[in-house]
């Protein structure tokens, strides 16, 4: 089941106040879709780990499907003054 289907299914069980809260959150996400590092750090650790694990899984699929994205050689780190 897709995320959109899950949202639709679970939203049927919400009270009107809960639904309004969720809609406000969705509006906020639409205005600023990418959470900042600070946003992530403010989440509970379990949720933060779940998000990072999902993103790592997506990245793995991308890199496994596109081996040209993987650098064979790397440059030394930049020196700081």
C-alpha atoms as a PDB file:
ATOM      1  CA  UNK A   1       0.000   0.000   0.000  1.00  0.00           C
ATOM      2  CA  UNK A   2       1.371   3.412  -0.936  1.00  0.00           C
ATOM      3  CA  UNK A   3       1.889   6.203   1.559  1.00  0.00           C
ATOM      4  CA  UNK A   4      -0.990   8.158   0.013  1.00  0.00           C
ATOM      5  CA  UNK A   5      -3.311   5.172   0.380  1.00  0.00           C
ATOM      6  CA  UNK A   6      -2.244   4.737   4.004  1.00  0.00           C
ATOM      7  CA  UNK A   7      -2.907   8.405   4.718  1.00  0.00           C
ATOM      8  CA  UNK A   8      -6.364   8.156   3.151  1.00  0.00           C
ATOM      9  CA  UNK A   9      -7.192   4.990   5.092  1.00  0.00           C
ATOM     10  CA  UNK A  10      -5.973   6.242   8.460  1.00  0.00           C
ATOM     11  CA  UNK A  11      -7.550   9.673   8.044  1.00  0.00           C
ATOM     12  CA  UNK A  12     -11.007   8.093   8.107  1.00  0.00           C
ATOM     13  CA  UNK A  13     -10.536   7.321  11.804  1.00  0.00           C
ATOM     14  CA  UNK A  14      -9.626  10.877  12.836  1.00  0.00           C
ATOM     15  CA  UNK A  15     -11.832  13.301  14.678  1.00  0.00           C
ATOM     16  CA  UNK A  16     -12.538  16.640  13.010  1.00  0.00           C
ATOM     17  CA  UNK A  17      -9.987  18.403  15.232  1.00  0.00           C
ATOM     18  CA  UNK A  18      -7.343  15.762  14.473  1.00  0.00           C
ATOM     19  CA  UNK A  19      -8.045  16.058  10.740  1.00  0.00           C
ATOM     20  CA  UNK A  20      -7.666  19.851  10.899  1.00  0.00           C
ATOM     21  CA  UNK A  21      -4.344  19.426  12.707  1.00  0.00           C
ATOM     22  CA  UNK A  22      -3.104  16.988  10.074  1.00  0.00           C
ATOM     23  CA  UNK A  23      -4.190  19.332   7.277  1.00  0.00           C
ATOM     24  CA  UNK A  24      -2.264  22.171   8.903  1.00  0.00           C
ATOM     25  CA  UNK A  25       0.818  19.935   9.067  1.00  0.00           C
ATOM     26  CA  UNK A  26       0.380  18.967   5.418  1.00  0.00           C
ATOM     27  CA  UNK A  27       0.136  22.647   4.450  1.00  0.00           C
ATOM     28  CA  UNK A  28       3.328  23.374   6.386  1.00  0.00           C
ATOM     29  CA  UNK A  29       5.094  20.484   4.627  1.00  0.00           C
ATOM     30  CA  UNK A  30       3.962  21.763   1.238  1.00  0.00           C
ATOM     31  CA  UNK A  31       5.502  25.148   2.005  1.00  0.00           C
ATOM     32  CA  UNK A  32       8.769  23.697   3.342  1.00  0.00           C
ATOM     33  CA  UNK A  33       9.064  20.069   2.162  1.00  0.00           C
ATOM     34  CA  UNK A  34      12.635  19.384   3.233  1.00  0.00           C
ATOM     35  CA  UNK A  35      13.239  19.213   6.973  1.00  0.00           C
ATOM     36  CA  UNK A  36      16.411  20.823   8.208  1.00  0.00           C
ATOM     37  CA  UNK A  37      19.013  19.028  10.286  1.00  0.00           C
ATOM     38  CA  UNK A  38      17.679  20.953  13.286  1.00  0.00           C
ATOM     39  CA  UNK A  39      14.146  19.694  12.544  1.00  0.00           C
ATOM     40  CA  UNK A  40      15.432  16.123  12.491  1.00  0.00           C
ATOM     41  CA  UNK A  41      17.403  16.561  15.706  1.00  0.00           C
ATOM     42  CA  UNK A  42      14.269  17.829  17.461  1.00  0.00           C
ATOM     43  CA  UNK A  43      12.416  14.597  16.678  1.00  0.00           C
ATOM     44  CA  UNK A  44      12.356  11.720  19.156  1.00  0.00           C
ATOM     45  CA  UNK A  45      15.316   9.371  18.527  1.00  0.00           C
ATOM     46  CA  UNK A  46      13.128   6.474  17.389  1.00  0.00           C
ATOM     47  CA  UNK A  47      11.432   8.579  14.705  1.00  0.00           C
ATOM     48  CA  UNK A  48      14.753  10.106  13.657  1.00  0.00           C
ATOM     49  CA  UNK A  49      16.285   6.617  13.231  1.00  0.00           C
ATOM     50  CA  UNK A  50      13.265   5.486  11.209  1.00  0.00           C
ATOM     51  CA  UNK A  51      13.531   8.471   8.839  1.00  0.00           C
ATOM     52  CA  UNK A  52      17.279   8.039   8.401  1.00  0.00           C
ATOM     53  CA  UNK A  53      16.895   4.296   7.778  1.00  0.00           C
ATOM     54  CA  UNK A  54      14.240   4.959   5.119  1.00  0.00           C
ATOM     55  CA  UNK A  55      16.466   7.523   3.422  1.00  0.00           C
ATOM     56  CA  UNK A  56      19.444   5.151   3.529  1.00  0.00           C
ATOM     57  CA  UNK A  57      17.304   2.456   1.903  1.00  0.00           C
ATOM     58  CA  UNK A  58      16.263   4.827  -0.860  1.00  0.00           C
ATOM     59  CA  UNK A  59      19.857   5.916  -1.419  1.00  0.00           C
ATOM     60  CA  UNK A  60      20.988   2.294  -1.611  1.00  0.00           C
ATOM     61  CA  UNK A  61      18.414   1.560  -4.337  1.00  0.00           C
ATOM     62  CA  UNK A  62      19.533   4.613  -6.297  1.00  0.00           C
ATOM     63  CA  UNK A  63      23.222   3.722  -6.094  1.00  0.00           C
ATOM     64  CA  UNK A  64      22.694   0.019  -6.813  1.00  0.00           C
ATOM     65  CA  UNK A  65      20.666   0.965  -9.884  1.00  0.00           C
ATOM     66  CA  UNK A  66      23.187   3.555 -11.086  1.00  0.00           C
ATOM     67  CA  UNK A  67      26.758   2.317 -10.509  1.00  0.00           C
ATOM     68  CA  UNK A  68      28.089   5.352 -12.390  1.00  0.00           C
ATOM     69  CA  UNK A  69      27.152   7.452  -9.351  1.00  0.00           C
ATOM     70  CA  UNK A  70      29.724   5.651  -7.228  1.00  0.00           C
ATOM     71  CA  UNK A  71      33.121   7.342  -7.290  1.00  0.00           C
ATOM     72  CA  UNK A  72      35.963   4.900  -7.807  1.00  0.00           C
ATOM     73  CA  UNK A  73      38.581   7.309  -6.596  1.00  0.00           C
ATOM     74  CA  UNK A  74      38.241  10.037  -4.053  1.00  0.00           C
ATOM     75  CA  UNK A  75      40.029  13.287  -3.578  1.00  0.00           C
ATOM     76  CA  UNK A  76      41.757  14.011  -0.283  1.00  0.00           C
ATOM     77  CA  UNK A  77      39.744  16.164   2.096  1.00  0.00           C
ATOM     78  CA  UNK A  78      40.145  19.909   1.783  1.00  0.00           C
ATOM     79  CA  UNK A  79      42.579  21.478   4.162  1.00  0.00           C
ATOM     80  CA  UNK A  80      41.275  24.143   6.468  1.00  0.00           C
ATOM     81  CA  UNK A  81      43.267  27.150   7.435  1.00  0.00           C
END
